[in-house]
């Protein structure tokens, strides 16, 4: 794609030292510009793509365009790929009823990134302070049956959803802790000091204790 002078000027402001706060500042000045977002996305570069997500028009995010973005993300190594799809969910997909409806159809998507977002969004519904949705029993049954067979990027999101159910719904807490004990997922994970582990028994205990303070 031939870049406009505006896109070129923005790219000149982005380098290896650019932080997320800098991208948010640039996005705040641009506000919403879907065509510019697609130009920045076309560069294939990680930071311009993060900025592109911030200035996209969520009303124009069709399933076809999301599939194209998804395929493009596969060009990135794992950390960047997961940051991009999670960033898209948090900043765009969760902001509009139409794209929320799309996310809710991705439970069995062929795309592992879209399956990840289905589960990550279910977790998000619980930690943002709302009354937990009524589908926790259904979700737990599916997680119990599938989590050990899933690919790691989806497995993490399922595990995180289980944690949020266990944290915010006491009646399911023993079941969520038990799932972690049975699967042993993340039990041997080494985490940095002051970081929360992903192992469900520890994760749930730590977050519940924080809520009680």
Protein backbone atom coordinates (compact mmCIF):
# COMPACT_ATOMS: atom_id res chain seq x y z
CA UNK A 1 0.00 0.00 0.00
CA UNK A 2 1.30 3.43 -0.95
CA UNK A 3 1.43 5.43 2.26
CA UNK A 4 -0.01 8.93 2.58
CA UNK A 5 2.13 11.79 3.85
CA UNK A 6 0.17 11.66 7.12
CA UNK A 7 1.02 8.00 7.61
CA UNK A 8 4.68 8.65 6.81
CA UNK A 9 4.79 11.52 9.33
CA UNK A 10 3.32 9.32 12.04
CA UNK A 11 5.73 6.47 11.29
CA UNK A 12 8.60 8.93 11.65
CA UNK A 13 7.49 9.51 15.27
CA UNK A 14 7.66 5.80 16.16
CA UNK A 15 10.87 3.99 17.00
CA UNK A 16 12.23 1.30 19.31
CA UNK A 17 11.98 3.67 22.29
CA UNK A 18 8.28 4.39 21.75
CA UNK A 19 6.08 3.28 24.65
CA UNK A 20 2.38 2.47 24.83
CA UNK A 21 1.76 5.82 26.48
CA UNK A 22 3.33 7.53 23.47
CA UNK A 23 1.07 5.57 21.12
CA UNK A 24 -1.98 6.51 23.16
CA UNK A 25 -0.96 10.18 22.99
CA UNK A 26 -0.62 10.03 19.20
CA UNK A 27 -3.96 8.19 18.98
CA UNK A 28 -5.58 10.83 21.18
CA UNK A 29 -4.52 13.51 18.72
CA UNK A 30 -5.79 11.52 15.71
CA UNK A 31 -8.92 10.19 17.42
CA UNK A 32 -10.62 7.89 14.84
CA UNK A 33 -9.34 7.41 11.30
CA UNK A 34 -10.03 3.98 9.86
CA UNK A 35 -8.27 4.53 6.53
CA UNK A 36 -5.15 5.78 8.28
CA UNK A 37 -5.34 2.79 10.61
CA UNK A 38 -5.32 0.41 7.63
CA UNK A 39 -2.32 2.25 6.18
CA UNK A 40 -0.40 1.86 9.43
CA UNK A 41 -1.46 -1.77 9.67
CA UNK A 42 -0.17 -2.44 6.16
CA UNK A 43 3.42 -1.70 7.29
CA UNK A 44 3.52 -5.06 9.07
CA UNK A 45 5.33 -3.43 12.01
CA UNK A 46 4.29 -4.16 15.58
CA UNK A 47 4.10 -0.65 17.07
CA UNK A 48 2.34 0.93 14.07
CA UNK A 49 -0.13 -1.94 14.22
CA UNK A 50 -0.80 -1.25 17.91
CA UNK A 51 -1.44 2.39 17.03
CA UNK A 52 -3.65 1.31 14.14
CA UNK A 53 -5.85 -0.66 16.51
CA UNK A 54 -6.36 2.42 18.68
CA UNK A 55 -7.64 4.58 15.83
CA UNK A 56 -9.76 2.02 13.98
CA UNK A 57 -13.47 2.59 13.57
CA UNK A 58 -15.11 -0.29 15.44
CA UNK A 59 -18.23 0.11 13.29
CA UNK A 60 -16.19 -1.07 10.29
CA UNK A 61 -14.80 -4.21 11.93
CA UNK A 62 -16.59 -6.95 10.02
CA UNK A 63 -15.83 -10.65 10.44
CA UNK A 64 -14.00 -10.56 7.10
CA UNK A 65 -11.73 -7.70 8.17
CA UNK A 66 -11.09 -9.33 11.54
CA UNK A 67 -10.12 -12.54 9.76
CA UNK A 68 -7.66 -10.55 7.64
CA UNK A 69 -6.18 -8.88 10.72
CA UNK A 70 -5.98 -12.29 12.39
CA UNK A 71 -4.05 -13.74 9.45
CA UNK A 72 -1.69 -10.76 9.47
CA UNK A 73 -0.98 -11.25 13.17
CA UNK A 74 0.39 -14.70 12.41
CA UNK A 75 3.40 -12.96 10.86
CA UNK A 76 4.46 -11.86 14.35
CA UNK A 77 6.20 -13.95 16.98
CA UNK A 78 4.04 -15.23 19.83
CA UNK A 79 4.36 -12.35 22.30
CA UNK A 80 3.52 -9.71 19.71
CA UNK A 81 0.73 -11.81 18.19
CA UNK A 82 -1.00 -12.24 21.53
CA UNK A 83 -0.53 -8.59 22.46
CA UNK A 84 -2.14 -7.52 19.19
CA UNK A 85 -5.20 -9.75 19.46
CA UNK A 86 -5.73 -8.91 23.14
CA UNK A 87 -5.25 -5.20 22.35
CA UNK A 88 -7.85 -5.47 19.59
CA UNK A 89 -10.32 -7.06 21.98
CA UNK A 90 -9.78 -4.51 24.76
CA UNK A 91 -9.74 -1.38 22.61
CA UNK A 92 -12.22 -2.20 19.86
CA UNK A 93 -14.09 -5.51 19.90
CA UNK A 94 -15.46 -5.09 23.43
CA UNK A 95 -16.72 -1.57 22.70
CA UNK A 96 -19.55 -2.30 20.27
CA UNK A 97 -22.57 -4.59 20.39
CA UNK A 98 -21.95 -5.88 16.87
CA UNK A 99 -18.37 -6.95 17.55
CA UNK A 100 -19.33 -8.34 20.97
CA UNK A 101 -21.86 -10.51 19.14
CA UNK A 102 -19.09 -11.65 16.80
CA UNK A 103 -16.80 -12.57 19.72
CA UNK A 104 -19.57 -14.64 21.24
CA UNK A 105 -19.60 -16.85 18.12
CA UNK A 106 -15.88 -17.68 18.29
CA UNK A 107 -15.95 -20.48 20.85
CA UNK A 108 -15.31 -23.09 18.14
CA UNK A 109 -13.57 -20.87 15.59
CA UNK A 110 -10.89 -22.43 13.42
CA UNK A 111 -8.69 -19.52 14.48
CA UNK A 112 -6.95 -20.11 17.80
CA UNK A 113 -6.65 -16.34 18.28
CA UNK A 114 -10.40 -15.92 17.96
CA UNK A 115 -11.03 -18.84 20.32
CA UNK A 116 -8.65 -17.15 22.78
CA UNK A 117 -10.67 -13.95 22.56
CA UNK A 118 -13.96 -15.77 23.12
CA UNK A 119 -12.62 -17.01 26.47
CA UNK A 120 -10.70 -13.87 27.37
CA UNK A 121 -13.87 -11.81 26.87
CA UNK A 122 -15.80 -14.14 29.16
CA UNK A 123 -13.14 -13.54 31.80
CA UNK A 124 -13.30 -9.80 31.23
CA UNK A 125 -17.05 -9.74 31.86
CA UNK A 126 -16.29 -10.87 35.40
CA UNK A 127 -13.34 -8.74 36.43
CA UNK A 128 -14.73 -5.38 35.30
CA UNK A 129 -17.01 -5.30 38.33
CA UNK A 130 -20.27 -6.41 36.79
CA UNK A 131 -22.54 -9.09 38.21
CA UNK A 132 -21.13 -12.34 36.78
CA UNK A 133 -23.08 -13.59 33.75
CA UNK A 134 -25.33 -16.59 34.23
CA UNK A 135 -23.29 -18.93 32.01
CA UNK A 136 -20.56 -19.87 34.51
CA UNK A 137 -21.77 -23.45 34.93
CA UNK A 138 -21.84 -23.98 31.17
CA UNK A 139 -18.41 -22.42 30.70
CA UNK A 140 -16.83 -24.50 33.45
CA UNK A 141 -18.20 -27.72 32.01
CA UNK A 142 -16.72 -26.88 28.62
CA UNK A 143 -13.38 -25.83 30.11
CA UNK A 144 -13.15 -29.03 32.15
CA UNK A 145 -13.72 -31.08 29.00
CA UNK A 146 -11.43 -29.15 26.66
CA UNK A 147 -8.67 -27.23 28.39
CA UNK A 148 -6.06 -29.98 28.37
CA UNK A 149 -6.53 -30.48 24.62
CA UNK A 150 -6.32 -26.82 23.63
CA UNK A 151 -3.33 -24.96 22.21
CA UNK A 152 -1.41 -22.87 24.78
CA UNK A 153 -2.72 -19.46 23.75
CA UNK A 154 -6.33 -20.62 24.17
CA UNK A 155 -5.51 -22.74 27.21
CA UNK A 156 -4.27 -19.62 29.02
CA UNK A 157 -7.54 -17.76 28.33
CA UNK A 158 -9.65 -20.71 29.50
CA UNK A 159 -7.55 -20.92 32.65
CA UNK A 160 -7.98 -17.17 33.21
CA UNK A 161 -11.74 -17.43 32.77
CA UNK A 162 -11.80 -20.25 35.32
CA UNK A 163 -9.85 -18.06 37.72
CA UNK A 164 -12.29 -15.16 37.37
CA UNK A 165 -15.26 -17.47 37.99
CA UNK A 166 -13.54 -18.87 41.07
CA UNK A 167 -12.61 -15.43 42.36
CA UNK A 168 -16.02 -13.78 41.97
CA UNK A 169 -18.40 -16.73 42.46
CA UNK A 170 -17.72 -18.48 45.74
CA UNK A 171 -20.00 -21.42 44.97
CA UNK A 172 -17.73 -22.42 42.08
CA UNK A 173 -14.44 -21.74 43.89
CA UNK A 174 -13.69 -25.31 45.03
CA UNK A 175 -14.45 -26.60 41.55
CA UNK A 176 -12.12 -24.05 39.93
CA UNK A 177 -9.33 -24.79 42.39
CA UNK A 178 -9.89 -28.51 41.83
CA UNK A 179 -9.53 -28.08 38.07
CA UNK A 180 -6.14 -26.49 38.58
CA UNK A 181 -5.06 -29.27 40.91
CA UNK A 182 -6.27 -31.96 38.49
CA UNK A 183 -4.63 -30.55 35.36
CA UNK A 184 -1.53 -29.15 37.06
CA UNK A 185 -1.44 -26.38 34.47
CA UNK A 186 1.13 -23.69 35.34
CA UNK A 187 1.97 -25.42 38.65
CA UNK A 188 5.69 -25.31 37.90
CA UNK A 189 5.61 -21.86 36.31
CA UNK A 190 8.22 -19.48 37.68
CA UNK A 191 6.90 -15.94 38.05
CA UNK A 192 8.72 -12.73 38.88
CA UNK A 193 8.41 -11.24 42.34
CA UNK A 194 5.08 -9.45 42.90
CA UNK A 195 3.58 -11.12 39.81
CA UNK A 196 0.47 -13.28 40.16
CA UNK A 197 0.93 -16.94 39.16
CA UNK A 198 -1.38 -18.62 36.66
CA UNK A 199 -1.71 -21.83 38.71
CA UNK A 200 -5.38 -21.74 39.68
CA UNK A 201 -5.13 -22.63 43.40
CA UNK A 202 -2.57 -19.86 43.98
CA UNK A 203 -4.11 -17.33 41.60
CA UNK A 204 -7.59 -17.65 43.10
CA UNK A 205 -6.30 -17.56 46.70
CA UNK A 206 -4.24 -14.43 46.09
CA UNK A 207 -7.01 -12.50 44.33
CA UNK A 208 -9.70 -13.52 46.85
CA UNK A 209 -7.45 -12.34 49.68
CA UNK A 210 -7.05 -8.98 47.93
CA UNK A 211 -10.81 -8.61 47.58
CA UNK A 212 -11.28 -9.20 51.31
CA UNK A 213 -8.90 -6.39 52.31
